[in-house]
Amino acid sequence: MANSFDRIYAVVRRIPRGMVASYGQVARLAGNPRWARVVGYALHVNPDPAGIPCYRVVTRDGRTAPAFAFGGADAQRALLEAEGVGFLPDGRVDMARHGWEGL
């Protein structure tokens, strides 16, 4: 599992400031499109929150984690807003403007 986590962390490190990626997208870029839940677990146990910006990973429709592991429900949104990420009126990230392509 450690190797898969390393691949996930490598992808997450590439997400640029002010952008987000979905769990499924990170899974696909890490080598297995079925790893979306594994991505969630890997980010939950993130060994280096300062170096691996797990807060830049959201659901495919732009929802943040309801109980963000590193500071509570509103911490993820605050971190993203500090980077200039915009949100829609319903509280989701504006994926059209801030979704990372990750090619």
PDB file of N, CA and C in Angstrom:
ATOM      1  N   MET A   1       0.827  -1.197   0.000  1.00  0.00           N
ATOM      2  CA  MET A   1       0.000   0.000   0.000  1.00  0.00           C
ATOM      3  C   MET A   1       0.868   1.256   0.000  1.00  0.00           C
ATOM      4  N   ALA A   2       2.046   1.170   0.629  1.00  0.00           N
ATOM      5  CA  ALA A   2       2.907   2.346   0.723  1.00  0.00           C
ATOM      6  C   ALA A   2       3.276   2.884  -0.658  1.00  0.00           C
ATOM      7  N   ASN A   3       3.565   2.007  -1.599  1.00  0.00           N
ATOM      8  CA  ASN A   3       3.908   2.446  -2.945  1.00  0.00           C
ATOM      9  C   ASN A   3       2.748   3.202  -3.585  1.00  0.00           C
ATOM     10  N   SER A   4       1.527   2.715  -3.387  1.00  0.00           N
ATOM     11  CA  SER A   4       0.366   3.419  -3.948  1.00  0.00           C
ATOM     12  C   SER A   4       0.209   4.782  -3.286  1.00  0.00           C
ATOM     13  N   PHE A   5       0.438   4.861  -1.982  1.00  0.00           N
ATOM     14  CA  PHE A   5       0.357   6.152  -1.290  1.00  0.00           C
ATOM     15  C   PHE A   5       1.415   7.108  -1.838  1.00  0.00           C
ATOM     16  N   ASP A   6       2.622   6.610  -2.074  1.00  0.00           N
ATOM     17  CA  ASP A   6       3.677   7.457  -2.628  1.00  0.00           C
ATOM     18  C   ASP A   6       3.269   8.013  -3.988  1.00  0.00           C
ATOM     19  N   ARG A   7       2.645   7.186  -4.810  1.00  0.00           N
ATOM     20  CA  ARG A   7       2.188   7.643  -6.126  1.00  0.00           C
ATOM     21  C   ARG A   7       1.082   8.682  -5.984  1.00  0.00           C
ATOM     22  N   ILE A   8       0.191   8.471  -5.038  1.00  0.00           N
ATOM     23  CA  ILE A   8      -0.893   9.435  -4.777  1.00  0.00           C
ATOM     24  C   ILE A   8      -0.305  10.764  -4.302  1.00  0.00           C
ATOM     25  N   TYR A   9       0.601  10.696  -3.350  1.00  0.00           N
ATOM     26  CA  TYR A   9       1.215  11.925  -2.828  1.00  0.00           C
ATOM     27  C   TYR A   9       1.972  12.671  -3.924  1.00  0.00           C
ATOM     28  N   ALA A  10       2.626  11.949  -4.823  1.00  0.00           N
ATOM     29  CA  ALA A  10       3.355  12.594  -5.920  1.00  0.00           C
ATOM     30  C   ALA A  10       2.395  13.379  -6.818  1.00  0.00           C
ATOM     31  N   VAL A  11       1.218  12.825  -7.078  1.00  0.00           N
ATOM     32  CA  VAL A  11       0.221  13.525  -7.892  1.00  0.00           C
ATOM     33  C   VAL A  11      -0.281  14.754  -7.153  1.00  0.00           C
ATOM     34  N   VAL A  12      -0.617  14.606  -5.894  1.00  0.00           N
ATOM     35  CA  VAL A  12      -1.171  15.717  -5.119  1.00  0.00           C
ATOM     36  C   VAL A  12      -0.170  16.867  -5.025  1.00  0.00           C
ATOM     37  N   ARG A  13       1.097  16.549  -4.927  1.00  0.00           N
ATOM     38  CA  ARG A  13       2.129  17.601  -4.887  1.00  0.00           C
ATOM     39  C   ARG A  13       2.140  18.429  -6.178  1.00  0.00           C
ATOM     40  N   ARG A  14       1.692  17.854  -7.277  1.00  0.00           N
ATOM     41  CA  ARG A  14       1.700  18.546  -8.569  1.00  0.00           C
ATOM     42  C   ARG A  14       0.502  19.478  -8.763  1.00  0.00           C
ATOM     43  N   ILE A  15      -0.522  19.384  -7.933  1.00  0.00           N
ATOM     44  CA  ILE A  15      -1.695  20.247  -8.094  1.00  0.00           C
ATOM     45  C   ILE A  15      -1.258  21.684  -7.794  1.00  0.00           C
ATOM     46  N   PRO A  16      -1.385  22.578  -8.764  1.00  0.00           N
ATOM     47  CA  PRO A  16      -0.897  23.942  -8.549  1.00  0.00           C
ATOM     48  C   PRO A  16      -1.726  24.728  -7.533  1.00  0.00           C
ATOM     49  N   ARG A  17      -1.096  25.689  -6.944  1.00  0.00           N
ATOM     50  CA  ARG A  17      -1.761  26.628  -6.050  1.00  0.00           C
ATOM     51  C   ARG A  17      -2.946  27.248  -6.795  1.00  0.00           C
ATOM     52  N   GLY A  18      -4.080  27.346  -6.125  1.00  0.00           N
ATOM     53  CA  GLY A  18      -5.270  27.943  -6.730  1.00  0.00           C
ATOM     54  C   GLY A  18      -6.085  26.996  -7.589  1.00  0.00           C
ATOM     55  N   MET A  19      -5.704  25.722  -7.593  1.00  0.00           N
ATOM     56  CA  MET A  19      -6.411  24.716  -8.379  1.00  0.00           C
ATOM     57  C   MET A  19      -6.782  23.541  -7.482  1.00  0.00           C
ATOM     58  N   VAL A  20      -7.725  22.732  -7.944  1.00  0.00           N
ATOM     59  CA  VAL A  20      -8.120  21.523  -7.224  1.00  0.00           C
ATOM     60  C   VAL A  20      -8.215  20.361  -8.201  1.00  0.00           C
ATOM     61  N   ALA A  21      -8.191  19.162  -7.647  1.00  0.00           N
ATOM     62  CA  ALA A  21      -8.393  17.932  -8.413  1.00  0.00           C
ATOM     63  C   ALA A  21      -9.380  17.074  -7.638  1.00  0.00           C
ATOM     64  N   SER A  22     -10.027  16.160  -8.342  1.00  0.00           N
ATOM     65  CA  SER A  22     -10.962  15.254  -7.666  1.00  0.00           C
ATOM     66  C   SER A  22     -10.225  14.001  -7.202  1.00  0.00           C
ATOM     67  N   TYR A  23     -10.841  13.310  -6.261  1.00  0.00           N
ATOM     68  CA  TYR A  23     -10.270  12.046  -5.775  1.00  0.00           C
ATOM     69  C   TYR A  23     -10.061  11.077  -6.934  1.00  0.00           C
ATOM     70  N   GLY A  24     -11.057  10.961  -7.802  1.00  0.00           N
ATOM     71  CA  GLY A  24     -10.959  10.055  -8.940  1.00  0.00           C
ATOM     72  C   GLY A  24      -9.864  10.452  -9.911  1.00  0.00           C
ATOM     73  N   GLN A  25      -9.713  11.739 -10.124  1.00  0.00           N
ATOM     74  CA  GLN A  25      -8.658  12.231 -11.007  1.00  0.00           C
ATOM     75  C   GLN A  25      -7.282  11.898 -10.438  1.00  0.00           C
ATOM     76  N   VAL A  26      -7.098  12.116  -9.141  1.00  0.00           N
ATOM     77  CA  VAL A  26      -5.824  11.777  -8.504  1.00  0.00           C
ATOM     78  C   VAL A  26      -5.578  10.273  -8.639  1.00  0.00           C
ATOM     79  N   ALA A  27      -6.612   9.471  -8.414  1.00  0.00           N
ATOM     80  CA  ALA A  27      -6.472   8.018  -8.548  1.00  0.00           C
ATOM     81  C   ALA A  27      -6.020   7.640  -9.952  1.00  0.00           C
ATOM     82  N   ARG A  28      -6.668   8.220 -10.943  1.00  0.00           N
ATOM     83  CA  ARG A  28      -6.332   7.919 -12.335  1.00  0.00           C
ATOM     84  C   ARG A  28      -4.884   8.315 -12.637  1.00  0.00           C
ATOM     85  N   LEU A  29      -4.496   9.507 -12.219  1.00  0.00           N
ATOM     86  CA  LEU A  29      -3.134   9.975 -12.479  1.00  0.00           C
ATOM     87  C   LEU A  29      -2.088   9.183 -11.695  1.00  0.00           C
ATOM     88  N   ALA A  30      -2.501   8.582 -10.585  1.00  0.00           N
ATOM     89  CA  ALA A  30      -1.587   7.756  -9.782  1.00  0.00           C
ATOM     90  C   ALA A  30      -1.475   6.336 -10.331  1.00  0.00           C
ATOM     91  N   GLY A  31      -2.298   6.018 -11.320  1.00  0.00           N
ATOM     92  CA  GLY A  31      -2.148   4.723 -11.974  1.00  0.00           C
ATOM     93  C   GLY A  31      -3.299   3.759 -11.869  1.00  0.00           C
ATOM     94  N   ASN A  32      -4.345   4.085 -11.083  1.00  0.00           N
ATOM     95  CA  ASN A  32      -5.473   3.165 -10.969  1.00  0.00           C
ATOM     96  C   ASN A  32      -6.760   3.957 -10.756  1.00  0.00           C
ATOM     97  N   PRO A  33      -7.621   4.035 -11.780  1.00  0.00           N
ATOM     98  CA  PRO A  33      -8.847   4.824 -11.662  1.00  0.00           C
ATOM     99  C   PRO A  33      -9.820   4.306 -10.604  1.00  0.00           C
ATOM    100  N   ARG A  34      -9.564   3.123 -10.058  1.00  0.00           N
ATOM    101  CA  ARG A  34     -10.444   2.576  -9.014  1.00  0.00           C
ATOM    102  C   ARG A  34      -9.981   2.922  -7.598  1.00  0.00           C
ATOM    103  N   TRP A  35      -8.985   3.757  -7.480  1.00  0.00           N
ATOM    104  CA  TRP A  35      -8.395   4.079  -6.189  1.00  0.00           C
ATOM    105  C   TRP A  35      -8.994   5.316  -5.511  1.00  0.00           C
ATOM    106  N   ALA A  36     -10.121   5.817  -5.927  1.00  0.00           N
ATOM    107  CA  ALA A  36     -10.653   7.055  -5.341  1.00  0.00           C
ATOM    108  C   ALA A  36     -10.740   6.956  -3.812  1.00  0.00           C
ATOM    109  N   ARG A  37     -11.218   5.839  -3.298  1.00  0.00           N
ATOM    110  CA  ARG A  37     -11.293   5.671  -1.840  1.00  0.00           C
ATOM    111  C   ARG A  37      -9.904   5.546  -1.211  1.00  0.00           C
ATOM    112  N   VAL A  38      -8.999   4.916  -1.928  1.00  0.00           N
ATOM    113  CA  VAL A  38      -7.626   4.806  -1.438  1.00  0.00           C
ATOM    114  C   VAL A  38      -7.007   6.204  -1.347  1.00  0.00           C
ATOM    115  N   VAL A  39      -7.312   7.049  -2.337  1.00  0.00           N
ATOM    116  CA  VAL A  39      -6.829   8.435  -2.300  1.00  0.00           C
ATOM    117  C   VAL A  39      -7.339   9.109  -1.027  1.00  0.00           C
ATOM    118  N   GLY A  40      -8.625   8.955  -0.743  1.00  0.00           N
ATOM    119  CA  GLY A  40      -9.191   9.554   0.462  1.00  0.00           C
ATOM    120  C   GLY A  40      -8.490   9.076   1.715  1.00  0.00           C
ATOM    121  N   TYR A  41      -8.216   7.798   1.799  1.00  0.00           N
ATOM    122  CA  TYR A  41      -7.529   7.266   2.976  1.00  0.00           C
ATOM    123  C   TYR A  41      -6.099   7.797   3.051  1.00  0.00           C
ATOM    124  N   ALA A  42      -5.399   7.786   1.918  1.00  0.00           N
ATOM    125  CA  ALA A  42      -4.018   8.271   1.893  1.00  0.00           C
ATOM    126  C   ALA A  42      -3.949   9.722   2.359  1.00  0.00           C
ATOM    127  N   LEU A  43      -4.895  10.533   1.927  1.00  0.00           N
ATOM    128  CA  LEU A  43      -4.885  11.936   2.318  1.00  0.00           C
ATOM    129  C   LEU A  43      -5.245  12.097   3.786  1.00  0.00           C
ATOM    130  N   HIS A  44      -6.079  11.219   4.292  1.00  0.00           N
ATOM    131  CA  HIS A  44      -6.451  11.274   5.709  1.00  0.00           C
ATOM    132  C   HIS A  44      -5.249  11.009   6.618  1.00  0.00           C
ATOM    133  N   VAL A  45      -4.323  10.189   6.141  1.00  0.00           N
ATOM    134  CA  VAL A  45      -3.131   9.863   6.935  1.00  0.00           C
ATOM    135  C   VAL A  45      -1.889  10.578   6.391  1.00  0.00           C
ATOM    136  N   ASN A  46      -2.099  11.653   5.685  1.00  0.00           N
ATOM    137  CA  ASN A  46      -1.029  12.444   5.080  1.00  0.00           C
ATOM    138  C   ASN A  46       0.104  12.691   6.096  1.00  0.00           C
ATOM    139  N   PRO A  47       1.313  12.202   5.810  1.00  0.00           N
ATOM    140  CA  PRO A  47       2.414  12.363   6.759  1.00  0.00           C
ATOM    141  C   PRO A  47       3.066  13.752   6.713  1.00  0.00           C
ATOM    142  N   ASP A  48       2.728  14.544   5.701  1.00  0.00           N
ATOM    143  CA  ASP A  48       3.393  15.840   5.509  1.00  0.00           C
ATOM    144  C   ASP A  48       2.398  16.871   4.981  1.00  0.00           C
ATOM    145  N   PRO A  49       1.447  17.318   5.813  1.00  0.00           N
ATOM    146  CA  PRO A  49       0.433  18.274   5.341  1.00  0.00           C
ATOM    147  C   PRO A  49       1.013  19.554   4.746  1.00  0.00           C
ATOM    148  N   ALA A  50       2.178  19.985   5.206  1.00  0.00           N
ATOM    149  CA  ALA A  50       2.789  21.197   4.659  1.00  0.00           C
ATOM    150  C   ALA A  50       3.333  20.968   3.249  1.00  0.00           C
ATOM    151  N   GLY A  51       3.760  19.753   2.959  1.00  0.00           N
ATOM    152  CA  GLY A  51       4.353  19.446   1.661  1.00  0.00           C
ATOM    153  C   GLY A  51       3.422  18.750   0.692  1.00  0.00           C
ATOM    154  N   ILE A  52       2.382  18.129   1.218  1.00  0.00           N
ATOM    155  CA  ILE A  52       1.405  17.413   0.378  1.00  0.00           C
ATOM    156  C   ILE A  52       0.068  18.120   0.589  1.00  0.00           C
ATOM    157  N   PRO A  53      -0.325  19.005  -0.332  1.00  0.00           N
ATOM    158  CA  PRO A  53      -1.510  19.845  -0.137  1.00  0.00           C
ATOM    159  C   PRO A  53      -2.830  19.087  -0.339  1.00  0.00           C
ATOM    160  N   CYS A  54      -3.141  18.221   0.615  1.00  0.00           N
ATOM    161  CA  CYS A  54      -4.325  17.375   0.492  1.00  0.00           C
ATOM    162  C   CYS A  54      -5.615  18.186   0.416  1.00  0.00           C
ATOM    163  N   TYR A  55      -5.601  19.412   0.920  1.00  0.00           N
ATOM    164  CA  TYR A  55      -6.801  20.251   0.869  1.00  0.00           C
ATOM    165  C   TYR A  55      -7.175  20.629  -0.562  1.00  0.00           C
ATOM    166  N   ARG A  56      -6.294  20.402  -1.515  1.00  0.00           N
ATOM    167  CA  ARG A  56      -6.584  20.699  -2.922  1.00  0.00           C
ATOM    168  C   ARG A  56      -7.332  19.569  -3.612  1.00  0.00           C
ATOM    169  N   VAL A  57      -7.726  18.538  -2.881  1.00  0.00           N
ATOM    170  CA  VAL A  57      -8.480  17.421  -3.443  1.00  0.00           C
ATOM    171  C   VAL A  57      -9.910  17.497  -2.929  1.00  0.00           C
ATOM    172  N   VAL A  58     -10.855  17.489  -3.864  1.00  0.00           N
ATOM    173  CA  VAL A  58     -12.282  17.604  -3.559  1.00  0.00           C
ATOM    174  C   VAL A  58     -13.041  16.526  -4.330  1.00  0.00           C
ATOM    175  N   THR A  59     -14.340  16.443  -4.112  1.00  0.00           N
ATOM    176  CA  THR A  59     -15.133  15.488  -4.884  1.00  0.00           C
ATOM    177  C   THR A  59     -15.239  15.966  -6.330  1.00  0.00           C
ATOM    178  N   ARG A  60     -15.674  15.098  -7.208  1.00  0.00           N
ATOM    179  CA  ARG A  60     -15.733  15.463  -8.626  1.00  0.00           C
ATOM    180  C   ARG A  60     -16.676  16.629  -8.903  1.00  0.00           C
ATOM    181  N   ASP A  61     -17.646  16.850  -8.013  1.00  0.00           N
ATOM    182  CA  ASP A  61     -18.547  17.991  -8.220  1.00  0.00           C
ATOM    183  C   ASP A  61     -18.134  19.210  -7.386  1.00  0.00           C
ATOM    184  N   GLY A  62     -16.934  19.156  -6.797  1.00  0.00           N
ATOM    185  CA  GLY A  62     -16.380  20.313  -6.116  1.00  0.00           C
ATOM    186  C   GLY A  62     -16.699  20.443  -4.636  1.00  0.00           C
ATOM    187  N   ARG A  63     -17.218  19.390  -4.039  1.00  0.00           N
ATOM    188  CA  ARG A  63     -17.526  19.467  -2.602  1.00  0.00           C
ATOM    189  C   ARG A  63     -16.258  19.230  -1.778  1.00  0.00           C
ATOM    190  N   THR A  64     -16.138  19.998  -0.718  1.00  0.00           N
ATOM    191  CA  THR A  64     -15.030  19.807   0.205  1.00  0.00           C
ATOM    192  C   THR A  64     -15.414  18.718   1.199  1.00  0.00           C
ATOM    193  N   ALA A  65     -14.424  18.244   1.938  1.00  0.00           N
ATOM    194  CA  ALA A  65     -14.671  17.197   2.934  1.00  0.00           C
ATOM    195  C   ALA A  65     -15.468  17.779   4.099  1.00  0.00           C
ATOM    196  N   PRO A  66     -16.529  17.099   4.532  1.00  0.00           N
ATOM    197  CA  PRO A  66     -17.357  17.629   5.615  1.00  0.00           C
ATOM    198  C   PRO A  66     -16.625  17.694   6.959  1.00  0.00           C
ATOM    199  N   ALA A  67     -15.642  16.846   7.152  1.00  0.00           N
ATOM    200  CA  ALA A  67     -14.869  16.851   8.405  1.00  0.00           C
ATOM    201  C   ALA A  67     -13.397  16.797   8.045  1.00  0.00           C
ATOM    202  N   PHE A  68     -12.915  17.844   7.396  1.00  0.00           N
ATOM    203  CA  PHE A  68     -11.541  17.904   6.923  1.00  0.00           C
ATOM    204  C   PHE A  68     -10.593  17.498   8.041  1.00  0.00           C
ATOM    205  N   ALA A  69      -9.705  16.561   7.738  1.00  0.00           N
ATOM    206  CA  ALA A  69      -8.844  15.942   8.752  1.00  0.00           C
ATOM    207  C   ALA A  69      -7.902  16.917   9.451  1.00  0.00           C
ATOM    208  N   PHE A  70      -7.582  18.021   8.816  1.00  0.00           N
ATOM    209  CA  PHE A  70      -6.579  18.920   9.381  1.00  0.00           C
ATOM    210  C   PHE A  70      -7.193  20.256   9.783  1.00  0.00           C
ATOM    211  N   GLY A  71      -8.213  20.207  10.648  1.00  0.00           N
ATOM    212  CA  GLY A  71      -8.725  21.457  11.170  1.00  0.00           C
ATOM    213  C   GLY A  71     -10.224  21.627  11.157  1.00  0.00           C
ATOM    214  N   GLY A  72     -10.980  20.624  10.807  1.00  0.00           N
ATOM    215  CA  GLY A  72     -12.425  20.738  10.857  1.00  0.00           C
ATOM    216  C   GLY A  72     -13.052  21.091   9.517  1.00  0.00           C
ATOM    217  N   ALA A  73     -14.356  21.186   9.521  1.00  0.00           N
ATOM    218  CA  ALA A  73     -15.141  21.303   8.302  1.00  0.00           C
ATOM    219  C   ALA A  73     -14.817  22.539   7.465  1.00  0.00           C
ATOM    220  N   ASP A  74     -14.539  23.671   8.080  1.00  0.00           N
ATOM    221  CA  ASP A  74     -14.324  24.889   7.313  1.00  0.00           C
ATOM    222  C   ASP A  74     -12.858  25.148   6.969  1.00  0.00           C
ATOM    223  N   ALA A  75     -11.963  24.350   7.511  1.00  0.00           N
ATOM    224  CA  ALA A  75     -10.538  24.571   7.283  1.00  0.00           C
ATOM    225  C   ALA A  75     -10.163  24.382   5.820  1.00  0.00           C
ATOM    226  N   GLN A  76     -10.710  23.372   5.170  1.00  0.00           N
ATOM    227  CA  GLN A  76     -10.374  23.117   3.775  1.00  0.00           C
ATOM    228  C   GLN A  76     -10.804  24.286   2.908  1.00  0.00           C
ATOM    229  N   ARG A  77     -12.014  24.775   3.114  1.00  0.00           N
ATOM    230  CA  ARG A  77     -12.486  25.917   2.327  1.00  0.00           C
ATOM    231  C   ARG A  77     -11.601  27.136   2.576  1.00  0.00           C
ATOM    232  N   ALA A  78     -11.254  27.389   3.818  1.00  0.00           N
ATOM    233  CA  ALA A  78     -10.415  28.547   4.142  1.00  0.00           C
ATOM    234  C   ALA A  78      -9.054  28.446   3.450  1.00  0.00           C
ATOM    235  N   LEU A  79      -8.449  27.264   3.453  1.00  0.00           N
ATOM    236  CA  LEU A  79      -7.161  27.076   2.794  1.00  0.00           C
ATOM    237  C   LEU A  79      -7.278  27.319   1.289  1.00  0.00           C
ATOM    238  N   LEU A  80      -8.342  26.818   0.692  1.00  0.00           N
ATOM    239  CA  LEU A  80      -8.547  27.010  -0.753  1.00  0.00           C
ATOM    240  C   LEU A  80      -8.816  28.471  -1.081  1.00  0.00           C
ATOM    241  N   GLU A  81      -9.658  29.124  -0.304  1.00  0.00           N
ATOM    242  CA  GLU A  81      -9.948  30.538  -0.542  1.00  0.00           C
ATOM    243  C   GLU A  81      -8.679  31.384  -0.410  1.00  0.00           C
ATOM    244  N   ALA A  82      -7.805  31.026   0.517  1.00  0.00           N
ATOM    245  CA  ALA A  82      -6.550  31.753   0.695  1.00  0.00           C
ATOM    246  C   ALA A  82      -5.669  31.670  -0.549  1.00  0.00           C
ATOM    247  N   GLU A  83      -5.883  30.639  -1.363  1.00  0.00           N
ATOM    248  CA  GLU A  83      -5.131  30.473  -2.607  1.00  0.00           C
ATOM    249  C   GLU A  83      -5.873  31.065  -3.801  1.00  0.00           C
ATOM    250  N   GLY A  84      -7.050  31.655  -3.563  1.00  0.00           N
ATOM    251  CA  GLY A  84      -7.808  32.264  -4.641  1.00  0.00           C
ATOM    252  C   GLY A  84      -8.823  31.361  -5.310  1.00  0.00           C
ATOM    253  N   VAL A  85      -9.074  30.198  -4.735  1.00  0.00           N
ATOM    254  CA  VAL A  85     -10.066  29.282  -5.305  1.00  0.00           C
ATOM    255  C   VAL A  85     -11.457  29.854  -5.045  1.00  0.00           C
ATOM    256  N   GLY A  86     -12.257  29.922  -6.102  1.00  0.00           N
ATOM    257  CA  GLY A  86     -13.610  30.452  -5.991  1.00  0.00           C
ATOM    258  C   GLY A  86     -14.630  29.364  -5.737  1.00  0.00           C
ATOM    259  N   PHE A  87     -15.694  29.747  -5.058  1.00  0.00           N
ATOM    260  CA  PHE A  87     -16.768  28.820  -4.719  1.00  0.00           C
ATOM    261  C   PHE A  87     -18.073  29.289  -5.341  1.00  0.00           C
ATOM    262  N   LEU A  88     -18.914  28.346  -5.662  1.00  0.00           N
ATOM    263  CA  LEU A  88     -20.254  28.632  -6.181  1.00  0.00           C
ATOM    264  C   LEU A  88     -21.175  28.968  -5.010  1.00  0.00           C
ATOM    265  N   PRO A  89     -22.338  29.580  -5.295  1.00  0.00           N
ATOM    266  CA  PRO A  89     -23.264  29.938  -4.213  1.00  0.00           C
ATOM    267  C   PRO A  89     -23.674  28.756  -3.331  1.00  0.00           C
ATOM    268  N   ASP A  90     -23.667  27.541  -3.881  1.00  0.00           N
ATOM    269  CA  ASP A  90     -24.076  26.381  -3.082  1.00  0.00           C
ATOM    270  C   ASP A  90     -22.926  25.793  -2.257  1.00  0.00           C
ATOM    271  N   GLY A  91     -21.753  26.440  -2.274  1.00  0.00           N
ATOM    272  CA  GLY A  91     -20.641  26.010  -1.440  1.00  0.00           C
ATOM    273  C   GLY A  91     -19.642  25.085  -2.105  1.00  0.00           C
ATOM    274  N   ARG A  92     -19.880  24.725  -3.355  1.00  0.00           N
ATOM    275  CA  ARG A  92     -18.941  23.858  -4.074  1.00  0.00           C
ATOM    276  C   ARG A  92     -17.868  24.702  -4.748  1.00  0.00           C
ATOM    277  N   VAL A  93     -16.678  24.103  -4.938  1.00  0.00           N
ATOM    278  CA  VAL A  93     -15.613  24.758  -5.688  1.00  0.00           C
ATOM    279  C   VAL A  93     -16.090  24.948  -7.117  1.00  0.00           C
ATOM    280  N   ASP A  94     -15.762  26.077  -7.703  1.00  0.00           N
ATOM    281  CA  ASP A  94     -16.064  26.336  -9.110  1.00  0.00           C
ATOM    282  C   ASP A  94     -15.068  25.525  -9.947  1.00  0.00           C
ATOM    283  N   MET A  95     -15.469  24.296 -10.272  1.00  0.00           N
ATOM    284  CA  MET A  95     -14.573  23.371 -10.973  1.00  0.00           C
ATOM    285  C   MET A  95     -14.250  23.856 -12.383  1.00  0.00           C
ATOM    286  N   ALA A  96     -15.153  24.598 -13.000  1.00  0.00           N
ATOM    287  CA  ALA A  96     -14.892  25.105 -14.346  1.00  0.00           C
ATOM    288  C   ALA A  96     -13.714  26.076 -14.340  1.00  0.00           C
ATOM    289  N   ARG A  97     -13.558  26.813 -13.271  1.00  0.00           N
ATOM    290  CA  ARG A  97     -12.479  27.801 -13.173  1.00  0.00           C
ATOM    291  C   ARG A  97     -11.237  27.268 -12.461  1.00  0.00           C
ATOM    292  N   HIS A  98     -11.433  26.348 -11.520  1.00  0.00           N
ATOM    293  CA  HIS A  98     -10.318  25.937 -10.666  1.00  0.00           C
ATOM    294  C   HIS A  98      -9.974  24.458 -10.733  1.00  0.00           C
ATOM    295  N   GLY A  99     -10.608  23.725 -11.626  1.00  0.00           N
ATOM    296  CA  GLY A  99     -10.278  22.310 -11.784  1.00  0.00           C
ATOM    297  C   GLY A  99      -8.989  22.135 -12.551  1.00  0.00           C
ATOM    298  N   TRP A 100      -8.078  21.380 -11.991  1.00  0.00           N
ATOM    299  CA  TRP A 100      -6.768  21.132 -12.588  1.00  0.00           C
ATOM    300  C   TRP A 100      -6.880  20.025 -13.621  1.00  0.00           C
ATOM    301  N   GLU A 101      -6.287  20.227 -14.759  1.00  0.00           N
ATOM    302  CA  GLU A 101      -6.312  19.208 -15.814  1.00  0.00           C
ATOM    303  C   GLU A 101      -5.340  18.077 -15.529  1.00  0.00           C
ATOM    304  N   GLY A 102      -4.187  18.393 -14.984  1.00  0.00           N
ATOM    305  CA  GLY A 102      -3.227  17.373 -14.579  1.00  0.00           C
ATOM    306  C   GLY A 102      -2.681  16.516 -15.677  1.00  0.00           C
ATOM    307  N   LEU A 103      -2.558  17.074 -16.834  1.00  0.00           N
ATOM    308  CA  LEU A 103      -2.067  16.280 -17.974  1.00  0.00           C
ATOM    309  C   LEU A 103      -0.603  15.974 -17.881  1.00  0.00           C
TER     310      LEU A 103
END
